Amino acid sequence: MDKLKIGILGASGYTGADLMRLLAEHSHADLQVLTANSHAGKPLGEVYPHLARLGLPDLIKNEDADWSALDVVFCGLPHGTSQEVIATLPESVKVIDLSADFRLRNVDTYATWYGHEHRAPELQPSAVYGLTEHYRDDIKDARLVACPGCYPTAALLLLLPLMKAGQIYPEDLIIDAKSGVTGAGRSLKEQNLFSEVADALHPYGVASHRHAPEIEQELSVAAGTDVLVNFTPHLIPMNRGEFLSVYAKLGAGADARSVRETLKSAYADEPFVQVAEEGVIPATRHVRGSNYVIVAANEDRLPGRVILFSTLDNLVKGSSGQAVQNMNVMFGFDETLGLTQQPMFP
């Protein structure tokens, strides 16, 4: 098959940088358009010196791109902006959106959590939620794929099989989440300065983080009833990586061992999901720089409860890597193309 003609909207962000890094190793990828309005006119190497040797096109403004000549566009624009730009793209172009603009199926829920009306409601019904391992068949035929957020990816890959099997109860679900600083994006923010985040850890988005309704949306479908989660994210002083500790009430007859077996069965044929063996505790350094996610189940001292873990790289499996994985599914490629980099350890 000829190489795919690919464009990246918002190529100067961290997700854009990792998309280019991954696609450079993809045998069917031809990056032809890179946009970054704030850096328009600059060679890519001026913004990202580590990518200078790839010989990619200079950065241009969104409005100067010829989208009609492309096969697929990755959208790494901020929330709200993506909707307006994607609505103007030709129908012939497939779109993989890394923002939150099409993740929530209910446009009223979107308006509540993102502070403005949905700007392309006519596209929302056709958007497919891009959690590859659970929506692969829908992704194959999709024109618009909404890649999940990093926290929802880590949470849902861990919890969906257990919720579907009735091995954990939908109530009293506590998700204690931690992420590296790149999860906040590349734009300048005082709270992300080195002196603000180094040697420190703090929660943010307490009882108000926008990934909560996304997690609840998918768990509610799996449970067949409305699910509310106690979700609190924390910022940890490292560049990339994400770790979730989840505390759940076990369903009837379930224990940590049977939960682990359910996860193994669900992901037995999945190339990027690893289930830790009994007694093995995963760590962010086990997945850093890779498209892999590790999930685990451990006994709790409290009767009738289980402690669950999930870890991934927020920029790869939690964002750009999952986007490339979805592209592979949409175009019928081997799902692992461009994604076989092993974790960087230590």
C-alpha atoms as a PDB file:
ATOM      1  CA  MET A   1       0.000   0.000   0.000  1.00  0.00           C
ATOM      2  CA  ASP A   2       1.173   3.541  -0.736  1.00  0.00           C
ATOM      3  CA  LYS A   3       2.164   5.649   2.233  1.00  0.00           C
ATOM      4  CA  LEU A   4      -0.562   7.574   4.011  1.00  0.00           C
ATOM      5  CA  LYS A   5      -0.467  11.320   3.502  1.00  0.00           C
ATOM      6  CA  ILE A   6      -0.658  12.653   7.060  1.00  0.00           C
ATOM      7  CA  GLY A   7      -1.199  16.057   8.643  1.00  0.00           C
ATOM      8  CA  ILE A   8      -0.829  17.131  12.268  1.00  0.00           C
ATOM      9  CA  LEU A   9      -2.830  20.060  13.600  1.00  0.00           C
ATOM     10  CA  GLY A  10      -0.966  21.579  16.537  1.00  0.00           C
ATOM     11  CA  ALA A  11       2.363  19.917  15.851  1.00  0.00           C
ATOM     12  CA  SER A  12       4.318  22.089  18.300  1.00  0.00           C
ATOM     13  CA  GLY A  13       2.764  20.591  21.448  1.00  0.00           C
ATOM     14  CA  TYR A  14       4.068  17.608  23.374  1.00  0.00           C
ATOM     15  CA  THR A  15       1.546  15.261  21.749  1.00  0.00           C
ATOM     16  CA  GLY A  16       2.554  16.558  18.332  1.00  0.00           C
ATOM     17  CA  ALA A  17       6.215  15.929  19.098  1.00  0.00           C
ATOM     18  CA  ASP A  18       5.557  12.358  20.189  1.00  0.00           C
ATOM     19  CA  LEU A  19       3.359  11.755  17.137  1.00  0.00           C
ATOM     20  CA  MET A  20       6.235  12.757  14.885  1.00  0.00           C
ATOM     21  CA  ARG A  21       8.708  10.647  16.873  1.00  0.00           C
ATOM     22  CA  LEU A  22       6.502   7.561  16.554  1.00  0.00           C
ATOM     23  CA  LEU A  23       5.442   8.079  12.940  1.00  0.00           C
ATOM     24  CA  ALA A  24       9.082   8.474  11.894  1.00  0.00           C
ATOM     25  CA  GLU A  25       9.371   4.704  12.466  1.00  0.00           C
ATOM     26  CA  HIS A  26       6.088   3.854  10.694  1.00  0.00           C
ATOM     27  CA  SER A  27       6.565   2.241   7.290  1.00  0.00           C
ATOM     28  CA  HIS A  28       3.292   3.649   5.884  1.00  0.00           C
ATOM     29  CA  ALA A  29       3.510   7.217   7.201  1.00  0.00           C
ATOM     30  CA  ASP A  30       4.332  10.283   5.098  1.00  0.00           C
ATOM     31  CA  LEU A  31       4.064  13.478   7.170  1.00  0.00           C
ATOM     32  CA  GLN A  32       3.159  16.223   4.704  1.00  0.00           C
ATOM     33  CA  VAL A  33       1.489  18.977   6.737  1.00  0.00           C
ATOM     34  CA  LEU A  34       2.468  20.292  10.183  1.00  0.00           C
ATOM     35  CA  THR A  35       0.602  23.255  11.624  1.00  0.00           C
ATOM     36  CA  ALA A  36       1.426  25.428  14.622  1.00  0.00           C
ATOM     37  CA  ASN A  37      -0.009  28.926  14.396  1.00  0.00           C
ATOM     38  CA  SER A  38       2.282  30.362  17.072  1.00  0.00           C
ATOM     39  CA  HIS A  39       5.374  28.975  15.315  1.00  0.00           C
ATOM     40  CA  ALA A  40       4.243  29.304  11.685  1.00  0.00           C
ATOM     41  CA  GLY A  41       7.108  29.795   9.255  1.00  0.00           C
ATOM     42  CA  LYS A  42       9.683  28.068  11.443  1.00  0.00           C
ATOM     43  CA  PRO A  43      11.522  24.872  10.516  1.00  0.00           C
ATOM     44  CA  LEU A  44      10.571  22.027  12.838  1.00  0.00           C
ATOM     45  CA  GLY A  45      14.135  21.771  14.138  1.00  0.00           C
ATOM     46  CA  GLU A  46      13.884  25.263  15.588  1.00  0.00           C
ATOM     47  CA  VAL A  47      10.987  24.195  17.798  1.00  0.00           C
ATOM     48  CA  TYR A  48      12.111  20.613  18.411  1.00  0.00           C
ATOM     49  CA  PRO A  49      15.859  20.195  17.748  1.00  0.00           C
ATOM     50  CA  HIS A  50      15.663  16.450  18.461  1.00  0.00           C
ATOM     51  CA  LEU A  51      13.425  16.038  15.377  1.00  0.00           C
ATOM     52  CA  ALA A  52      15.486  18.203  13.007  1.00  0.00           C
ATOM     53  CA  ARG A  53      17.150  15.226  11.304  1.00  0.00           C
ATOM     54  CA  LEU A  54      13.793  13.864  10.091  1.00  0.00           C
ATOM     55  CA  GLY A  55      13.595  16.414   7.252  1.00  0.00           C
ATOM     56  CA  LEU A  56       9.922  17.169   7.887  1.00  0.00           C
ATOM     57  CA  PRO A  57       8.053  20.178   6.432  1.00  0.00           C
ATOM     58  CA  ASP A  58       8.203  23.610   8.023  1.00  0.00           C
ATOM     59  CA  LEU A  59       5.392  24.605  10.366  1.00  0.00           C
ATOM     60  CA  ILE A  60       2.498  26.554   8.827  1.00  0.00           C
ATOM     61  CA  LYS A  61      -0.804  28.104   9.953  1.00  0.00           C
ATOM     62  CA  ASN A  62      -3.927  25.963  10.037  1.00  0.00           C
ATOM     63  CA  GLU A  63      -5.601  28.072   7.364  1.00  0.00           C
ATOM     64  CA  ASP A  64      -2.670  27.678   4.968  1.00  0.00           C
ATOM     65  CA  ALA A  65      -2.845  23.877   4.849  1.00  0.00           C
ATOM     66  CA  ASP A  66      -4.240  21.918   1.897  1.00  0.00           C
ATOM     67  CA  TRP A  67      -6.212  19.304   3.799  1.00  0.00           C
ATOM     68  CA  SER A  68      -7.852  17.861   0.694  1.00  0.00           C
ATOM     69  CA  ALA A  69      -4.586  16.209  -0.361  1.00  0.00           C
ATOM     70  CA  LEU A  70      -4.326  14.173   2.869  1.00  0.00           C
ATOM     71  CA  ASP A  71      -5.613  10.778   3.984  1.00  0.00           C
ATOM     72  CA  VAL A  72      -5.673  11.388   7.736  1.00  0.00           C
ATOM     73  CA  VAL A  73      -5.241  14.303  10.130  1.00  0.00           C
ATOM     74  CA  PHE A  74      -4.209  14.079  13.778  1.00  0.00           C
ATOM     75  CA  CYS A  75      -5.631  16.957  15.783  1.00  0.00           C
ATOM     76  CA  GLY A  76      -3.576  18.086  18.776  1.00  0.00           C
ATOM     77  CA  LEU A  77      -5.281  21.444  19.275  1.00  0.00           C
ATOM     78  CA  PRO A  78      -6.648  22.699  22.619  1.00  0.00           C
ATOM     79  CA  HIS A  79     -10.138  21.752  23.736  1.00  0.00           C
ATOM     80  CA  GLY A  80     -12.800  23.853  22.019  1.00  0.00           C
ATOM     81  CA  THR A  81     -10.558  24.796  19.122  1.00  0.00           C
ATOM     82  CA  SER A  82     -10.565  21.268  17.713  1.00  0.00           C
ATOM     83  CA  GLN A  83     -14.313  21.227  17.111  1.00  0.00           C
ATOM     84  CA  GLU A  84     -14.292  24.316  14.923  1.00  0.00           C
ATOM     85  CA  VAL A  85     -11.316  23.242  12.812  1.00  0.00           C
ATOM     86  CA  ILE A  86     -12.394  19.615  12.381  1.00  0.00           C
ATOM     87  CA  ALA A  87     -15.816  20.757  11.182  1.00  0.00           C
ATOM     88  CA  THR A  88     -14.125  22.484   8.229  1.00  0.00           C
ATOM     89  CA  LEU A  89     -12.035  19.499   7.081  1.00  0.00           C
ATOM     90  CA  PRO A  90     -13.018  17.671   3.876  1.00  0.00           C
ATOM     91  CA  GLU A  91     -15.199  14.585   4.313  1.00  0.00           C
ATOM     92  CA  SER A  92     -12.566  12.555   2.465  1.00  0.00           C
ATOM     93  CA  VAL A  93     -10.067  13.042   5.299  1.00  0.00           C
ATOM     94  CA  LYS A  94     -10.143  10.766   8.323  1.00  0.00           C
ATOM     95  CA  VAL A  95      -9.619  12.518  11.649  1.00  0.00           C
ATOM     96  CA  ILE A  96      -8.020  11.321  14.879  1.00  0.00           C
ATOM     97  CA  ASP A  97      -8.665  13.897  17.591  1.00  0.00           C
ATOM     98  CA  LEU A  98      -6.464  13.948  20.683  1.00  0.00           C
ATOM     99  CA  SER A  99      -8.455  16.695  22.431  1.00  0.00           C
ATOM    100  CA  ALA A 100     -11.552  16.151  24.579  1.00  0.00           C
ATOM    101  CA  ASP A 101     -13.910  17.727  22.046  1.00  0.00           C
ATOM    102  CA  PHE A 102     -15.626  14.533  20.886  1.00  0.00           C
ATOM    103  CA  ARG A 103     -15.070  12.143  23.812  1.00  0.00           C
ATOM    104  CA  LEU A 104     -18.322  12.865  25.638  1.00  0.00           C
ATOM    105  CA  ARG A 105     -21.310  11.491  23.745  1.00  0.00           C
ATOM    106  CA  ASN A 106     -23.770  13.898  25.341  1.00  0.00           C
ATOM    107  CA  VAL A 107     -23.194  17.459  24.128  1.00  0.00           C
ATOM    108  CA  ASP A 108     -24.950  18.852  27.211  1.00  0.00           C
ATOM    109  CA  THR A 109     -22.483  17.024  29.451  1.00  0.00           C
ATOM    110  CA  TYR A 110     -19.690  18.512  27.371  1.00  0.00           C
ATOM    111  CA  ALA A 111     -21.087  22.023  27.852  1.00  0.00           C
ATOM    112  CA  THR A 112     -21.347  21.500  31.618  1.00  0.00           C
ATOM    113  CA  TRP A 113     -17.743  20.367  32.034  1.00  0.00           C
ATOM    114  CA  TYR A 114     -15.993  22.474  29.396  1.00  0.00           C
ATOM    115  CA  GLY A 115     -17.809  25.753  29.941  1.00  0.00           C
ATOM    116  CA  HIS A 116     -19.234  26.342  26.460  1.00  0.00           C
ATOM    117  CA  GLU A 117     -21.668  24.825  23.991  1.00  0.00           C
ATOM    118  CA  HIS A 118     -20.401  22.117  21.677  1.00  0.00           C
ATOM    119  CA  ARG A 119     -19.302  23.830  18.463  1.00  0.00           C
ATOM    120  CA  ALA A 120     -19.813  20.897  16.103  1.00  0.00           C
ATOM    121  CA  PRO A 121     -22.761  18.929  17.520  1.00  0.00           C
ATOM    122  CA  GLU A 122     -23.579  17.537  14.086  1.00  0.00           C
ATOM    123  CA  LEU A 123     -20.326  15.535  14.163  1.00  0.00           C
ATOM    124  CA  GLN A 124     -20.690  14.116  17.665  1.00  0.00           C
ATOM    125  CA  PRO A 125     -23.002  11.175  16.771  1.00  0.00           C
ATOM    126  CA  SER A 126     -20.448   9.871  14.256  1.00  0.00           C
ATOM    127  CA  ALA A 127     -17.456  10.141  16.612  1.00  0.00           C
ATOM    128  CA  VAL A 128     -16.104   6.808  17.875  1.00  0.00           C
ATOM    129  CA  TYR A 129     -14.483   6.628  21.303  1.00  0.00           C
ATOM    130  CA  GLY A 130     -10.914   5.575  20.591  1.00  0.00           C
ATOM    131  CA  LEU A 131     -10.089   3.168  23.402  1.00  0.00           C
ATOM    132  CA  THR A 132      -8.581   0.718  20.944  1.00  0.00           C
ATOM    133  CA  GLU A 133      -8.805  -2.506  22.927  1.00  0.00           C
ATOM    134  CA  HIS A 134     -12.525  -2.054  23.606  1.00  0.00           C
ATOM    135  CA  TYR A 135     -13.814  -0.264  20.466  1.00  0.00           C
ATOM    136  CA  ARG A 136     -11.628  -1.802  17.760  1.00  0.00           C
ATOM    137  CA  ASP A 137     -14.516  -2.922  15.534  1.00  0.00           C
ATOM    138  CA  ASP A 138     -16.104   0.548  15.576  1.00  0.00           C
ATOM    139  CA  ILE A 139     -12.761   2.255  14.974  1.00  0.00           C
ATOM    140  CA  LYS A 140     -12.182   0.200  11.811  1.00  0.00           C
ATOM    141  CA  ASP A 141     -15.011   1.965   9.984  1.00  0.00           C
ATOM    142  CA  ALA A 142     -14.818   5.373  11.649  1.00  0.00           C
ATOM    143  CA  ARG A 143     -14.155   8.687   9.963  1.00  0.00           C
ATOM    144  CA  LEU A 144     -13.714  10.561  13.276  1.00  0.00           C
ATOM    145  CA  VAL A 145     -12.045   8.941  16.286  1.00  0.00           C
ATOM    146  CA  ALA A 146     -11.941  10.686  19.672  1.00  0.00           C
ATOM    147  CA  CYS A 147      -8.877   9.425  21.528  1.00  0.00           C
ATOM    148  CA  PRO A 148      -9.470   9.048  25.284  1.00  0.00           C
ATOM    149  CA  GLY A 149      -7.704  11.181  27.839  1.00  0.00           C
ATOM    150  CA  CYS A 150      -4.646   9.784  29.578  1.00  0.00           C
ATOM    151  CA  TYR A 151      -6.343   9.192  32.930  1.00  0.00           C
ATOM    152  CA  PRO A 152      -9.417   7.543  31.352  1.00  0.00           C
ATOM    153  CA  THR A 153      -7.163   5.267  29.285  1.00  0.00           C
ATOM    154  CA  ALA A 154      -5.339   4.056  32.395  1.00  0.00           C
ATOM    155  CA  ALA A 155      -8.552   3.727  34.413  1.00  0.00           C
ATOM    156  CA  LEU A 156     -10.759   2.108  31.785  1.00  0.00           C
ATOM    157  CA  LEU A 157      -8.265  -0.483  30.577  1.00  0.00           C
ATOM    158  CA  LEU A 158      -8.029  -1.559  34.207  1.00  0.00           C
ATOM    159  CA  LEU A 159     -11.692  -1.366  35.199  1.00  0.00           C
ATOM    160  CA  LEU A 160     -13.883  -2.124  32.164  1.00  0.00           C
ATOM    161  CA  PRO A 161     -13.335  -5.916  32.110  1.00  0.00           C
ATOM    162  CA  LEU A 162     -13.984  -6.102  35.849  1.00  0.00           C
ATOM    163  CA  MET A 163     -17.105  -3.963  35.681  1.00  0.00           C
ATOM    164  CA  LYS A 164     -18.496  -6.015  32.793  1.00  0.00           C
ATOM    165  CA  ALA A 165     -17.825  -9.245  34.720  1.00  0.00           C
ATOM    166  CA  GLY A 166     -19.488  -7.903  37.878  1.00  0.00           C
ATOM    167  CA  GLN A 167     -16.290  -8.464  39.861  1.00  0.00           C
ATOM    168  CA  ILE A 168     -16.266  -4.943  41.260  1.00  0.00           C
ATOM    169  CA  TYR A 169     -19.225  -2.885  42.392  1.00  0.00           C
ATOM    170  CA  PRO A 170     -19.966   0.388  40.592  1.00  0.00           C
ATOM    171  CA  GLU A 171     -20.342   2.290  43.852  1.00  0.00           C
ATOM    172  CA  ASP A 172     -17.602   3.302  46.292  1.00  0.00           C
ATOM    173  CA  LEU A 173     -14.939   3.380  43.566  1.00  0.00           C
ATOM    174  CA  ILE A 174     -11.881   5.477  44.476  1.00  0.00           C
ATOM    175  CA  ILE A 175      -9.306   6.431  41.815  1.00  0.00           C
ATOM    176  CA  ASP A 176      -6.131   8.008  43.162  1.00  0.00           C
ATOM    177  CA  ALA A 177      -4.257   9.220  40.057  1.00  0.00           C
ATOM    178  CA  LYS A 178      -0.820  10.762  39.511  1.00  0.00           C
ATOM    179  CA  SER A 179       0.705  12.200  36.339  1.00  0.00           C
ATOM    180  CA  GLY A 180       3.884  13.845  35.117  1.00  0.00           C
ATOM    181  CA  VAL A 181       3.987  17.536  34.229  1.00  0.00           C
ATOM    182  CA  THR A 182       3.678  17.043  30.445  1.00  0.00           C
ATOM    183  CA  GLY A 183       0.009  16.197  31.017  1.00  0.00           C
ATOM    184  CA  ALA A 184      -0.585  19.940  31.416  1.00  0.00           C
ATOM    185  CA  GLY A 185       0.721  20.721  27.918  1.00  0.00           C
ATOM    186  CA  ARG A 186       3.611  22.873  26.690  1.00  0.00           C
ATOM    187  CA  SER A 187       2.163  26.367  27.054  1.00  0.00           C
ATOM    188  CA  LEU A 188       3.715  28.560  29.723  1.00  0.00           C
ATOM    189  CA  LYS A 189       1.971  28.343  33.100  1.00  0.00           C
ATOM    190  CA  GLU A 190       3.298  29.648  36.391  1.00  0.00           C
ATOM    191  CA  GLN A 191       2.196  26.560  38.295  1.00  0.00           C
ATOM    192  CA  ASN A 192       4.281  24.367  35.988  1.00  0.00           C
ATOM    193  CA  LEU A 193       7.581  26.199  36.456  1.00  0.00           C
ATOM    194  CA  PHE A 194      10.405  23.982  37.710  1.00  0.00           C
ATOM    195  CA  SER A 195      10.513  25.758  41.068  1.00  0.00           C
ATOM    196  CA  GLU A 196       6.776  25.190  41.505  1.00  0.00           C
ATOM    197  CA  VAL A 197       6.697  21.447  40.754  1.00  0.00           C
ATOM    198  CA  ALA A 198      10.156  20.120  41.709  1.00  0.00           C
ATOM    199  CA  ASP A 199      10.482  18.313  45.046  1.00  0.00           C
ATOM    200  CA  ALA A 200       6.733  18.516  45.553  1.00  0.00           C
ATOM    201  CA  LEU A 201       3.455  16.726  44.931  1.00  0.00           C
ATOM    202  CA  HIS A 202      -0.003  18.246  44.917  1.00  0.00           C
ATOM    203  CA  PRO A 203      -3.572  17.381  43.914  1.00  0.00           C
ATOM    204  CA  TYR A 204      -5.406  19.448  41.317  1.00  0.00           C
ATOM    205  CA  GLY A 205      -8.856  19.512  39.770  1.00  0.00           C
ATOM    206  CA  VAL A 206     -10.204  18.242  43.090  1.00  0.00           C
ATOM    207  CA  ALA A 207     -13.764  16.963  42.567  1.00  0.00           C
ATOM    208  CA  SER A 208     -13.814  18.864  39.266  1.00  0.00           C
ATOM    209  CA  HIS A 209     -11.390  17.243  36.820  1.00  0.00           C
ATOM    210  CA  ARG A 210     -12.801  16.929  33.308  1.00  0.00           C
ATOM    211  CA  HIS A 211     -11.673  13.329  32.923  1.00  0.00           C
ATOM    212  CA  ALA A 212     -14.157  12.207  35.590  1.00  0.00           C
ATOM    213  CA  PRO A 213     -17.268  12.323  33.355  1.00  0.00           C
ATOM    214  CA  GLU A 214     -15.341  10.513  30.613  1.00  0.00           C
ATOM    215  CA  ILE A 215     -14.468   7.665  32.991  1.00  0.00           C
ATOM    216  CA  GLU A 216     -18.035   7.609  34.296  1.00  0.00           C
ATOM    217  CA  GLN A 217     -19.494   7.547  30.785  1.00  0.00           C
ATOM    218  CA  GLU A 218     -17.681   4.349  29.848  1.00  0.00           C
ATOM    219  CA  LEU A 219     -18.050   2.598  33.210  1.00  0.00           C
ATOM    220  CA  SER A 220     -21.788   3.323  33.167  1.00  0.00           C
ATOM    221  CA  VAL A 221     -22.110   1.566  29.811  1.00  0.00           C
ATOM    222  CA  ALA A 222     -20.209  -1.445  31.174  1.00  0.00           C
ATOM    223  CA  ALA A 223     -22.185  -1.577  34.432  1.00  0.00           C
ATOM    224  CA  GLY A 224     -25.598  -0.948  32.885  1.00  0.00           C
ATOM    225  CA  THR A 225     -26.249   1.720  35.496  1.00  0.00           C
ATOM    226  CA  ASP A 226     -25.017   5.196  36.301  1.00  0.00           C
ATOM    227  CA  VAL A 227     -21.562   5.185  37.869  1.00  0.00           C
ATOM    228  CA  LEU A 228     -19.953   7.995  39.844  1.00  0.00           C
ATOM    229  CA  VAL A 229     -16.284   7.774  40.774  1.00  0.00           C
ATOM    230  CA  ASN A 230     -14.203   9.440  43.445  1.00  0.00           C
ATOM    231  CA  PHE A 231     -11.405  10.662  41.173  1.00  0.00           C
ATOM    232  CA  THR A 232      -8.512  12.832  42.348  1.00  0.00           C
ATOM    233  CA  PRO A 233      -5.462  13.530  40.149  1.00  0.00           C
ATOM    234  CA  HIS A 234      -2.075  14.652  41.462  1.00  0.00           C
ATOM    235  CA  LEU A 235       0.892  16.306  39.753  1.00  0.00           C
ATOM    236  CA  ILE A 236       4.219  14.588  40.373  1.00  0.00           C
ATOM    237  CA  PRO A 237       7.661  16.076  39.580  1.00  0.00           C
ATOM    238  CA  MET A 238       8.623  14.094  36.488  1.00  0.00           C
ATOM    239  CA  ASN A 239       8.290  14.745  32.765  1.00  0.00           C
ATOM    240  CA  ARG A 240       6.141  11.822  31.690  1.00  0.00           C
ATOM    241  CA  GLY A 241       4.355   8.888  33.231  1.00  0.00           C
ATOM    242  CA  GLU A 242       1.104   8.114  34.989  1.00  0.00           C
ATOM    243  CA  PHE A 243       0.108   5.827  37.853  1.00  0.00           C
ATOM    244  CA  LEU A 244      -3.332   4.949  39.218  1.00  0.00           C
ATOM    245  CA  SER A 245      -4.139   3.274  42.514  1.00  0.00           C
ATOM    246  CA  VAL A 246      -7.780   2.214  42.532  1.00  0.00           C
ATOM    247  CA  TYR A 247      -9.689   0.994  45.589  1.00  0.00           C
ATOM    248  CA  ALA A 248     -12.793  -1.071  44.814  1.00  0.00           C
ATOM    249  CA  LYS A 249     -15.442  -3.173  46.497  1.00  0.00           C
ATOM    250  CA  LEU A 250     -15.415  -6.761  45.235  1.00  0.00           C
ATOM    251  CA  GLY A 251     -18.445  -8.349  43.653  1.00  0.00           C
ATOM    252  CA  ALA A 252     -19.955 -11.559  44.994  1.00  0.00           C
ATOM    253  CA  GLY A 253     -17.450 -14.419  44.956  1.00  0.00           C
ATOM    254  CA  ALA A 254     -14.601 -12.319  43.586  1.00  0.00           C
ATOM    255  CA  ASP A 255     -11.124 -11.956  45.031  1.00  0.00           C
ATOM    256  CA  ALA A 256      -7.813 -10.532  43.828  1.00  0.00           C
ATOM    257  CA  ARG A 257      -6.839 -13.793  42.142  1.00  0.00           C
ATOM    258  CA  SER A 258     -10.079 -14.085  40.125  1.00  0.00           C
ATOM    259  CA  VAL A 259      -9.869 -10.385  39.228  1.00  0.00           C
ATOM    260  CA  ARG A 260      -6.351 -10.959  37.909  1.00  0.00           C
ATOM    261  CA  GLU A 261      -7.538 -13.920  35.840  1.00  0.00           C
ATOM    262  CA  THR A 262     -10.345 -11.839  34.345  1.00  0.00           C
ATOM    263  CA  LEU A 263      -7.841  -9.190  33.283  1.00  0.00           C
ATOM    264  CA  LYS A 264      -5.558 -11.852  31.789  1.00  0.00           C
ATOM    265  CA  SER A 265      -8.435 -13.355  29.841  1.00  0.00           C
ATOM    266  CA  ALA A 266      -9.606  -9.954  28.569  1.00  0.00           C
ATOM    267  CA  TYR A 267      -6.163  -8.958  27.323  1.00  0.00           C
ATOM    268  CA  ALA A 268      -4.645 -12.317  26.362  1.00  0.00           C
ATOM    269  CA  ASP A 269      -4.335 -11.297  22.702  1.00  0.00           C
ATOM    270  CA  GLU A 270      -3.619  -7.599  23.204  1.00  0.00           C
ATOM    271  CA  PRO A 271      -0.085  -6.531  22.236  1.00  0.00           C
ATOM    272  CA  PHE A 272       0.108  -3.497  24.518  1.00  0.00           C
ATOM    273  CA  VAL A 273      -1.650  -4.536  27.744  1.00  0.00           C
ATOM    274  CA  GLN A 274       0.313  -6.499  30.315  1.00  0.00           C
ATOM    275  CA  VAL A 275      -1.218  -7.983  33.464  1.00  0.00           C
ATOM    276  CA  ALA A 276       1.256  -8.144  36.342  1.00  0.00           C
ATOM    277  CA  GLU A 277       1.657 -11.467  38.119  1.00  0.00           C
ATOM    278  CA  GLU A 278       0.656 -11.897  41.751  1.00  0.00           C
ATOM    279  CA  GLY A 279       2.925  -9.923  44.045  1.00  0.00           C
ATOM    280  CA  VAL A 280       4.431  -7.800  41.244  1.00  0.00           C
ATOM    281  CA  ILE A 281       3.820  -4.072  41.647  1.00  0.00           C
ATOM    282  CA  PRO A 282       4.125  -2.045  38.394  1.00  0.00           C
ATOM    283  CA  ALA A 283       5.941   1.287  38.207  1.00  0.00           C
ATOM    284  CA  THR A 284       6.006   4.171  35.748  1.00  0.00           C
ATOM    285  CA  ARG A 285       9.616   3.325  34.835  1.00  0.00           C
ATOM    286  CA  HIS A 286       8.382  -0.018  33.469  1.00  0.00           C
ATOM    287  CA  VAL A 287       6.480   1.692  30.622  1.00  0.00           C
ATOM    288  CA  ARG A 288       8.282   5.020  30.096  1.00  0.00           C
ATOM    289  CA  GLY A 289       8.462   6.041  26.427  1.00  0.00           C
ATOM    290  CA  SER A 290       6.416   3.042  25.271  1.00  0.00           C
ATOM    291  CA  ASN A 291       2.855   2.255  24.186  1.00  0.00           C
ATOM    292  CA  TYR A 292       2.473  -0.378  26.886  1.00  0.00           C
ATOM    293  CA  VAL A 293       0.202  -0.303  29.912  1.00  0.00           C
ATOM    294  CA  ILE A 294       0.548  -2.550  32.946  1.00  0.00           C
ATOM    295  CA  VAL A 295      -2.426  -3.408  35.167  1.00  0.00           C
ATOM    296  CA  ALA A 296      -2.376  -5.295  38.456  1.00  0.00           C
ATOM    297  CA  ALA A 297      -4.626  -6.586  41.245  1.00  0.00           C
ATOM    298  CA  ASN A 298      -3.653  -7.040  44.896  1.00  0.00           C
ATOM    299  CA  GLU A 299      -5.398  -8.197  48.046  1.00  0.00           C
ATOM    300  CA  ASP A 300      -6.610  -5.496  50.422  1.00  0.00           C
ATOM    301  CA  ARG A 301      -6.411  -5.816  54.213  1.00  0.00           C
ATOM    302  CA  LEU A 302     -10.046  -4.719  54.288  1.00  0.00           C
ATOM    303  CA  PRO A 303     -12.402  -7.666  53.714  1.00  0.00           C
ATOM    304  CA  GLY A 304     -14.351  -7.610  50.466  1.00  0.00           C
ATOM    305  CA  ARG A 305     -12.092  -5.071  48.765  1.00  0.00           C
ATOM    306  CA  VAL A 306      -9.284  -5.098  46.206  1.00  0.00           C
ATOM    307  CA  ILE A 307      -6.424  -2.704  45.395  1.00  0.00           C
ATOM    308  CA  LEU A 308      -5.864  -2.213  41.663  1.00  0.00           C
ATOM    309  CA  PHE A 309      -2.984  -0.545  39.826  1.00  0.00           C
ATOM    310  CA  SER A 310      -2.492   0.819  36.324  1.00  0.00           C
ATOM    311  CA  THR A 311       0.480   2.604  34.775  1.00  0.00           C
ATOM    312  CA  LEU A 312       1.271   4.037  31.342  1.00  0.00           C
ATOM    313  CA  ASP A 313       3.198   6.814  29.629  1.00  0.00           C
ATOM    314  CA  ASN A 314       0.754   9.712  29.407  1.00  0.00           C
ATOM    315  CA  LEU A 315       2.250  10.959  26.114  1.00  0.00           C
ATOM    316  CA  VAL A 316       2.329   7.576  24.373  1.00  0.00           C
ATOM    317  CA  LYS A 317      -0.379   5.061  25.338  1.00  0.00           C
ATOM    318  CA  GLY A 318      -2.195   7.923  27.053  1.00  0.00           C
ATOM    319  CA  SER A 319      -2.142  10.100  23.917  1.00  0.00           C
ATOM    320  CA  SER A 320      -0.014   9.920  20.753  1.00  0.00           C
ATOM    321  CA  GLY A 321       0.733   6.193  20.821  1.00  0.00           C
ATOM    322  CA  GLN A 322      -2.918   5.311  21.188  1.00  0.00           C
ATOM    323  CA  ALA A 323      -3.677   7.717  18.317  1.00  0.00           C
ATOM    324  CA  VAL A 324      -1.200   5.897  16.051  1.00  0.00           C
ATOM    325  CA  GLN A 325      -2.648   2.563  17.201  1.00  0.00           C
ATOM    326  CA  ASN A 326      -6.088   3.794  16.137  1.00  0.00           C
ATOM    327  CA  MET A 327      -4.729   4.937  12.771  1.00  0.00           C
ATOM    328  CA  ASN A 328      -3.357   1.447  12.218  1.00  0.00           C
ATOM    329  CA  VAL A 329      -6.786  -0.037  12.932  1.00  0.00           C
ATOM    330  CA  MET A 330      -8.598   2.474  10.693  1.00  0.00           C
ATOM    331  CA  PHE A 331      -6.370   1.696   7.695  1.00  0.00           C
ATOM    332  CA  GLY A 332      -5.987  -2.045   8.217  1.00  0.00           C
ATOM    333  CA  PHE A 333      -2.307  -2.048   9.181  1.00  0.00           C
ATOM    334  CA  ASP A 334      -0.608  -4.262  11.716  1.00  0.00           C
ATOM    335  CA  GLU A 335      -1.706  -2.601  14.944  1.00  0.00           C
ATOM    336  CA  THR A 336       1.823  -2.472  16.329  1.00  0.00           C
ATOM    337  CA  LEU A 337       3.389  -0.542  13.420  1.00  0.00           C
ATOM    338  CA  GLY A 338       5.459   2.372  14.723  1.00  0.00           C
ATOM    339  CA  LEU A 339       4.772   1.357  18.318  1.00  0.00           C
ATOM    340  CA  THR A 340       7.190  -1.402  19.219  1.00  0.00           C
ATOM    341  CA  GLN A 341       9.673   0.816  21.071  1.00  0.00           C
ATOM    342  CA  GLN A 342      10.527  -0.842  24.364  1.00  0.00           C
ATOM    343  CA  PRO A 343      10.298   1.119  27.623  1.00  0.00           C
ATOM    344  CA  MET A 344      13.292   3.304  28.525  1.00  0.00           C
ATOM    345  CA  PHE A 345      14.709   1.943  31.784  1.00  0.00           C
ATOM    346  CA  PRO A 346      15.766   3.327  34.157  1.00  0.00           C
END
